[in-house]
Amino acid sequence: MIRTTNVYPMWRGCILLIRRAPTDSMNPCMWECPGGHVDTPCGYIDSVVSRKEALRELQEEVGVTAHPSELIALDSKTNLNMQTHQAYILLLNTKTPPKIKLSHEHDLFMWQPIGGLVKVSPIRREVYAFIQQQKRSLR
Protein backbone atom coordinates (compact mmCIF):
# COMPACT_ATOMS: atom_id res chain seq x y z
CA MET A 1 0.00 0.00 0.00
CA ILE A 2 1.04 3.58 -0.53
CA ARG A 3 2.18 4.88 2.87
CA THR A 4 3.78 8.21 1.93
CA THR A 5 3.44 10.78 -0.83
CA ASN A 6 5.15 13.96 -1.83
CA VAL A 7 4.76 16.73 -4.39
CA TYR A 8 7.54 18.49 -6.31
CA PRO A 9 6.02 21.94 -6.97
CA MET A 10 7.73 23.52 -9.99
CA TRP A 11 7.44 27.11 -11.16
CA ARG A 12 9.41 28.66 -14.06
CA GLY A 13 12.28 26.17 -13.93
CA CYS A 14 12.52 26.13 -10.13
CA ILE A 15 11.47 23.61 -7.51
CA LEU A 16 9.98 24.57 -4.16
CA LEU A 17 12.13 23.43 -1.23
CA ILE A 18 11.04 23.76 2.39
CA ARG A 19 13.19 23.41 5.50
CA ARG A 20 12.05 21.52 8.56
CA ALA A 21 12.13 23.70 11.67
CA PRO A 22 15.19 23.42 13.97
CA THR A 23 12.83 22.24 16.72
CA ASP A 24 11.47 19.37 14.59
CA SER A 25 12.00 16.00 16.26
CA MET A 26 12.37 13.97 13.03
CA ASN A 27 14.83 15.79 10.77
CA PRO A 28 15.64 19.26 12.08
CA CYS A 29 16.83 21.73 9.41
CA MET A 30 16.43 19.15 6.61
CA TRP A 31 15.42 20.58 3.22
CA GLU A 32 12.66 18.66 1.45
CA CYS A 33 9.52 19.00 -0.65
CA PRO A 34 5.97 18.88 0.72
CA GLY A 35 4.84 15.37 1.62
CA GLY A 36 4.12 12.91 4.37
CA HIS A 37 2.16 9.89 5.52
CA VAL A 38 -1.22 9.13 4.01
CA ASP A 39 -4.29 9.14 6.22
CA THR A 40 -6.53 7.19 3.82
CA PRO A 41 -5.61 3.74 2.41
CA CYS A 42 -4.51 4.20 -1.21
CA GLY A 43 -3.66 0.81 -2.70
CA TYR A 44 -0.34 0.27 -4.47
CA ILE A 45 -0.51 2.57 -7.48
CA ASP A 46 -1.32 6.15 -8.39
CA SER A 47 -5.01 6.86 -7.79
CA VAL A 48 -7.40 9.72 -7.09
CA VAL A 49 -7.07 8.88 -3.38
CA SER A 50 -3.24 9.02 -3.41
CA ARG A 51 -3.38 12.30 -5.37
CA LYS A 52 -5.78 13.79 -2.81
CA GLU A 53 -3.48 12.66 0.01
CA ALA A 54 -0.49 14.30 -1.71
CA LEU A 55 -2.47 17.52 -2.22
CA ARG A 56 -3.60 17.47 1.42
CA GLU A 57 0.07 17.42 2.48
CA LEU A 58 0.86 20.21 0.00
CA GLN A 59 -1.92 22.39 1.41
CA GLU A 60 -1.03 21.61 5.05
CA GLU A 61 2.69 22.25 4.65
CA VAL A 62 2.83 25.22 2.25
CA GLY A 63 -0.76 26.44 1.77
CA VAL A 64 -0.86 25.68 -1.96
CA THR A 65 -3.98 24.11 -3.44
CA ALA A 66 -4.41 22.28 -6.74
CA HIS A 67 -6.72 19.79 -8.43
CA PRO A 68 -5.76 16.08 -8.53
CA SER A 69 -5.72 16.18 -12.34
CA GLU A 70 -2.90 18.76 -12.23
CA LEU A 71 -0.46 16.26 -10.72
CA ILE A 72 1.96 14.27 -12.87
CA ALA A 73 2.65 10.88 -11.30
CA LEU A 74 6.20 9.58 -11.08
CA ASP A 75 7.08 5.91 -10.65
CA SER A 76 6.19 4.66 -7.18
CA LYS A 77 8.98 3.19 -5.07
CA THR A 78 8.81 0.43 -2.44
CA ASN A 79 11.34 0.31 0.40
CA LEU A 80 12.75 -2.68 2.28
CA ASN A 81 9.81 -2.58 4.71
CA MET A 82 7.44 -3.03 1.73
CA GLN A 83 6.07 0.50 2.18
CA THR A 84 5.29 2.24 -1.10
CA HIS A 85 5.96 5.93 -1.76
CA GLN A 86 4.19 7.87 -4.54
CA ALA A 87 5.66 11.16 -5.79
CA TYR A 88 4.11 13.76 -8.07
CA ILE A 89 5.17 16.84 -10.00
CA LEU A 90 2.94 19.94 -9.91
CA LEU A 91 3.69 22.41 -12.70
CA LEU A 92 2.56 25.87 -11.64
CA ASN A 93 1.79 27.96 -14.72
CA THR A 94 1.25 31.34 -13.09
CA LYS A 95 2.86 34.72 -13.71
CA THR A 96 3.95 34.99 -10.10
CA PRO A 97 4.91 32.23 -7.68
CA PRO A 98 2.14 31.01 -5.40
CA LYS A 99 1.91 32.50 -1.93
CA ILE A 100 3.61 30.12 0.49
CA LYS A 101 2.24 29.72 4.00
CA LEU A 102 4.49 27.37 5.94
CA SER A 103 3.17 25.01 8.62
CA HIS A 104 4.66 24.89 12.11
CA GLU A 105 6.85 21.97 10.93
CA HIS A 106 8.83 24.23 8.56
CA ASP A 107 10.59 27.56 8.94
CA LEU A 108 12.05 28.50 5.51
CA PHE A 109 11.37 27.99 1.83
CA MET A 110 13.14 28.74 -1.42
CA TRP A 111 12.63 28.30 -5.16
CA GLN A 112 15.70 26.29 -6.22
CA PRO A 113 16.61 26.65 -9.93
CA ILE A 114 16.68 23.18 -11.48
CA GLY A 115 19.65 24.03 -13.70
CA GLY A 116 21.73 25.54 -10.89
CA LEU A 117 23.78 24.19 -8.04
CA VAL A 118 21.79 22.93 -5.08
CA LYS A 119 22.56 25.60 -2.49
CA VAL A 120 21.02 23.99 0.58
CA SER A 121 22.19 21.31 2.96
CA PRO A 122 21.23 18.90 4.35
CA ILE A 123 18.70 17.89 1.71
CA ARG A 124 16.64 14.70 1.50
CA ARG A 125 18.39 12.18 -0.72
CA GLU A 126 15.35 11.56 -2.92
CA VAL A 127 14.78 15.30 -3.46
CA TYR A 128 18.42 15.79 -4.47
CA ALA A 129 18.15 12.80 -6.85
CA PHE A 130 14.98 14.27 -8.39
CA ILE A 131 16.70 17.64 -8.98
CA GLN A 132 19.70 15.92 -10.59
CA GLN A 133 17.40 13.87 -12.82
CA GLN A 134 15.54 17.02 -13.92
CA LYS A 135 18.86 18.78 -14.55
CA ARG A 136 19.98 15.92 -16.84
CA SER A 137 16.73 16.13 -18.77
CA LEU A 138 17.42 19.81 -19.53
CA ARG A 139 20.61 18.93 -21.42
C-alpha atoms as a PDB file:
ATOM      1  CA  MET A   1       0.000   0.000   0.000  1.00  0.00           C
ATOM      2  CA  ILE A   2       1.040   3.576  -0.534  1.00  0.00           C
ATOM      3  CA  ARG A   3       2.175   4.880   2.875  1.00  0.00           C
ATOM      4  CA  THR A   4       3.778   8.209   1.931  1.00  0.00           C
ATOM      5  CA  THR A   5       3.435  10.775  -0.833  1.00  0.00           C
ATOM      6  CA  ASN A   6       5.150  13.963  -1.835  1.00  0.00           C
ATOM      7  CA  VAL A   7       4.762  16.735  -4.385  1.00  0.00           C
ATOM      8  CA  TYR A   8       7.537  18.486  -6.307  1.00  0.00           C
ATOM      9  CA  PRO A   9       6.019  21.940  -6.972  1.00  0.00           C
ATOM     10  CA  MET A  10       7.735  23.521  -9.992  1.00  0.00           C
ATOM     11  CA  TRP A  11       7.440  27.110 -11.164  1.00  0.00           C
ATOM     12  CA  ARG A  12       9.413  28.661 -14.057  1.00  0.00           C
ATOM     13  CA  GLY A  13      12.285  26.174 -13.933  1.00  0.00           C
ATOM     14  CA  CYS A  14      12.520  26.128 -10.126  1.00  0.00           C
ATOM     15  CA  ILE A  15      11.470  23.607  -7.512  1.00  0.00           C
ATOM     16  CA  LEU A  16       9.983  24.574  -4.157  1.00  0.00           C
ATOM     17  CA  LEU A  17      12.127  23.431  -1.233  1.00  0.00           C
ATOM     18  CA  ILE A  18      11.044  23.764   2.386  1.00  0.00           C
ATOM     19  CA  ARG A  19      13.194  23.414   5.497  1.00  0.00           C
ATOM     20  CA  ARG A  20      12.050  21.516   8.562  1.00  0.00           C
ATOM     21  CA  ALA A  21      12.132  23.700  11.669  1.00  0.00           C
ATOM     22  CA  PRO A  22      15.186  23.422  13.966  1.00  0.00           C
ATOM     23  CA  THR A  23      12.826  22.236  16.715  1.00  0.00           C
ATOM     24  CA  ASP A  24      11.469  19.365  14.585  1.00  0.00           C
ATOM     25  CA  SER A  25      12.004  15.996  16.258  1.00  0.00           C
ATOM     26  CA  MET A  26      12.370  13.969  13.035  1.00  0.00           C
ATOM     27  CA  ASN A  27      14.830  15.788  10.765  1.00  0.00           C
ATOM     28  CA  PRO A  28      15.641  19.261  12.083  1.00  0.00           C
ATOM     29  CA  CYS A  29      16.835  21.727   9.413  1.00  0.00           C
ATOM     30  CA  MET A  30      16.425  19.146   6.606  1.00  0.00           C
ATOM     31  CA  TRP A  31      15.418  20.578   3.223  1.00  0.00           C
ATOM     32  CA  GLU A  32      12.656  18.656   1.450  1.00  0.00           C
ATOM     33  CA  CYS A  33       9.521  19.003  -0.653  1.00  0.00           C
ATOM     34  CA  PRO A  34       5.969  18.879   0.723  1.00  0.00           C
ATOM     35  CA  GLY A  35       4.835  15.374   1.622  1.00  0.00           C
ATOM     36  CA  GLY A  36       4.125  12.914   4.372  1.00  0.00           C
ATOM     37  CA  HIS A  37       2.164   9.890   5.522  1.00  0.00           C
ATOM     38  CA  VAL A  38      -1.217   9.126   4.006  1.00  0.00           C
ATOM     39  CA  ASP A  39      -4.295   9.137   6.223  1.00  0.00           C
ATOM     40  CA  THR A  40      -6.534   7.192   3.820  1.00  0.00           C
ATOM     41  CA  PRO A  41      -5.608   3.739   2.414  1.00  0.00           C
ATOM     42  CA  CYS A  42      -4.512   4.203  -1.214  1.00  0.00           C
ATOM     43  CA  GLY A  43      -3.664   0.810  -2.696  1.00  0.00           C
ATOM     44  CA  TYR A  44      -0.342   0.267  -4.473  1.00  0.00           C
ATOM     45  CA  ILE A  45      -0.509   2.566  -7.482  1.00  0.00           C
ATOM     46  CA  ASP A  46      -1.319   6.146  -8.394  1.00  0.00           C
ATOM     47  CA  SER A  47      -5.012   6.859  -7.795  1.00  0.00           C
ATOM     48  CA  VAL A  48      -7.399   9.718  -7.095  1.00  0.00           C
ATOM     49  CA  VAL A  49      -7.066   8.877  -3.383  1.00  0.00           C
ATOM     50  CA  SER A  50      -3.238   9.024  -3.406  1.00  0.00           C
ATOM     51  CA  ARG A  51      -3.375  12.298  -5.371  1.00  0.00           C
ATOM     52  CA  LYS A  52      -5.782  13.793  -2.814  1.00  0.00           C
ATOM     53  CA  GLU A  53      -3.484  12.663   0.006  1.00  0.00           C
ATOM     54  CA  ALA A  54      -0.487  14.304  -1.707  1.00  0.00           C
ATOM     55  CA  LEU A  55      -2.472  17.516  -2.219  1.00  0.00           C
ATOM     56  CA  ARG A  56      -3.596  17.471   1.425  1.00  0.00           C
ATOM     57  CA  GLU A  57       0.065  17.423   2.481  1.00  0.00           C
ATOM     58  CA  LEU A  58       0.862  20.211   0.001  1.00  0.00           C
ATOM     59  CA  GLN A  59      -1.917  22.391   1.412  1.00  0.00           C
ATOM     60  CA  GLU A  60      -1.028  21.613   5.052  1.00  0.00           C
ATOM     61  CA  GLU A  61       2.693  22.253   4.654  1.00  0.00           C
ATOM     62  CA  VAL A  62       2.829  25.225   2.254  1.00  0.00           C
ATOM     63  CA  GLY A  63      -0.760  26.439   1.774  1.00  0.00           C
ATOM     64  CA  VAL A  64      -0.856  25.680  -1.964  1.00  0.00           C
ATOM     65  CA  THR A  65      -3.982  24.110  -3.439  1.00  0.00           C
ATOM     66  CA  ALA A  66      -4.414  22.284  -6.740  1.00  0.00           C
ATOM     67  CA  HIS A  67      -6.724  19.790  -8.425  1.00  0.00           C
ATOM     68  CA  PRO A  68      -5.755  16.076  -8.526  1.00  0.00           C
ATOM     69  CA  SER A  69      -5.719  16.179 -12.344  1.00  0.00           C
ATOM     70  CA  GLU A  70      -2.898  18.762 -12.230  1.00  0.00           C
ATOM     71  CA  LEU A  71      -0.457  16.259 -10.719  1.00  0.00           C
ATOM     72  CA  ILE A  72       1.959  14.273 -12.872  1.00  0.00           C
ATOM     73  CA  ALA A  73       2.646  10.875 -11.303  1.00  0.00           C
ATOM     74  CA  LEU A  74       6.203   9.583 -11.077  1.00  0.00           C
ATOM     75  CA  ASP A  75       7.079   5.913 -10.653  1.00  0.00           C
ATOM     76  CA  SER A  76       6.192   4.665  -7.182  1.00  0.00           C
ATOM     77  CA  LYS A  77       8.976   3.194  -5.068  1.00  0.00           C
ATOM     78  CA  THR A  78       8.808   0.433  -2.443  1.00  0.00           C
ATOM     79  CA  ASN A  79      11.340   0.313   0.403  1.00  0.00           C
ATOM     80  CA  LEU A  80      12.746  -2.683   2.282  1.00  0.00           C
ATOM     81  CA  ASN A  81       9.805  -2.580   4.708  1.00  0.00           C
ATOM     82  CA  MET A  82       7.441  -3.032   1.731  1.00  0.00           C
ATOM     83  CA  GLN A  83       6.069   0.495   2.180  1.00  0.00           C
ATOM     84  CA  THR A  84       5.292   2.244  -1.100  1.00  0.00           C
ATOM     85  CA  HIS A  85       5.959   5.932  -1.765  1.00  0.00           C
ATOM     86  CA  GLN A  86       4.185   7.866  -4.542  1.00  0.00           C
ATOM     87  CA  ALA A  87       5.663  11.156  -5.792  1.00  0.00           C
ATOM     88  CA  TYR A  88       4.114  13.755  -8.069  1.00  0.00           C
ATOM     89  CA  ILE A  89       5.167  16.844 -10.005  1.00  0.00           C
ATOM     90  CA  LEU A  90       2.942  19.936  -9.906  1.00  0.00           C
ATOM     91  CA  LEU A  91       3.690  22.412 -12.703  1.00  0.00           C
ATOM     92  CA  LEU A  92       2.560  25.873 -11.637  1.00  0.00           C
ATOM     93  CA  ASN A  93       1.791  27.962 -14.716  1.00  0.00           C
ATOM     94  CA  THR A  94       1.249  31.337 -13.088  1.00  0.00           C
ATOM     95  CA  LYS A  95       2.863  34.724 -13.711  1.00  0.00           C
ATOM     96  CA  THR A  96       3.955  34.988 -10.099  1.00  0.00           C
ATOM     97  CA  PRO A  97       4.908  32.229  -7.681  1.00  0.00           C
ATOM     98  CA  PRO A  98       2.136  31.011  -5.399  1.00  0.00           C
ATOM     99  CA  LYS A  99       1.912  32.503  -1.928  1.00  0.00           C
ATOM    100  CA  ILE A 100       3.613  30.119   0.487  1.00  0.00           C
ATOM    101  CA  LYS A 101       2.238  29.720   4.000  1.00  0.00           C
ATOM    102  CA  LEU A 102       4.493  27.369   5.943  1.00  0.00           C
ATOM    103  CA  SER A 103       3.174  25.013   8.615  1.00  0.00           C
ATOM    104  CA  HIS A 104       4.663  24.895  12.108  1.00  0.00           C
ATOM    105  CA  GLU A 105       6.849  21.974  10.925  1.00  0.00           C
ATOM    106  CA  HIS A 106       8.829  24.231   8.565  1.00  0.00           C
ATOM    107  CA  ASP A 107      10.588  27.561   8.937  1.00  0.00           C
ATOM    108  CA  LEU A 108      12.048  28.501   5.514  1.00  0.00           C
ATOM    109  CA  PHE A 109      11.365  27.989   1.833  1.00  0.00           C
ATOM    110  CA  MET A 110      13.145  28.741  -1.420  1.00  0.00           C
ATOM    111  CA  TRP A 111      12.632  28.300  -5.158  1.00  0.00           C
ATOM    112  CA  GLN A 112      15.699  26.294  -6.221  1.00  0.00           C
ATOM    113  CA  PRO A 113      16.608  26.654  -9.927  1.00  0.00           C
ATOM    114  CA  ILE A 114      16.676  23.179 -11.484  1.00  0.00           C
ATOM    115  CA  GLY A 115      19.650  24.026 -13.698  1.00  0.00           C
ATOM    116  CA  GLY A 116      21.733  25.545 -10.891  1.00  0.00           C
ATOM    117  CA  LEU A 117      23.784  24.186  -8.040  1.00  0.00           C
ATOM    118  CA  VAL A 118      21.787  22.927  -5.077  1.00  0.00           C
ATOM    119  CA  LYS A 119      22.558  25.602  -2.492  1.00  0.00           C
ATOM    120  CA  VAL A 120      21.017  23.991   0.581  1.00  0.00           C
ATOM    121  CA  SER A 121      22.187  21.307   2.964  1.00  0.00           C
ATOM    122  CA  PRO A 122      21.225  18.904   4.354  1.00  0.00           C
ATOM    123  CA  ILE A 123      18.702  17.887   1.707  1.00  0.00           C
ATOM    124  CA  ARG A 124      16.637  14.702   1.503  1.00  0.00           C
ATOM    125  CA  ARG A 125      18.394  12.180  -0.724  1.00  0.00           C
ATOM    126  CA  GLU A 126      15.347  11.559  -2.923  1.00  0.00           C
ATOM    127  CA  VAL A 127      14.784  15.302  -3.455  1.00  0.00           C
ATOM    128  CA  TYR A 128      18.421  15.791  -4.473  1.00  0.00           C
ATOM    129  CA  ALA A 129      18.154  12.800  -6.851  1.00  0.00           C
ATOM    130  CA  PHE A 130      14.982  14.270  -8.394  1.00  0.00           C
ATOM    131  CA  ILE A 131      16.702  17.639  -8.977  1.00  0.00           C
ATOM    132  CA  GLN A 132      19.699  15.919 -10.586  1.00  0.00           C
ATOM    133  CA  GLN A 133      17.399  13.867 -12.823  1.00  0.00           C
ATOM    134  CA  GLN A 134      15.543  17.019 -13.924  1.00  0.00           C
ATOM    135  CA  LYS A 135      18.857  18.775 -14.551  1.00  0.00           C
ATOM    136  CA  ARG A 136      19.984  15.918 -16.843  1.00  0.00           C
ATOM    137  CA  SER A 137      16.725  16.127 -18.767  1.00  0.00           C
ATOM    138  CA  LEU A 138      17.417  19.813 -19.530  1.00  0.00           C
ATOM    139  CA  ARG A 139      20.613  18.926 -21.422  1.00  0.00           C
END
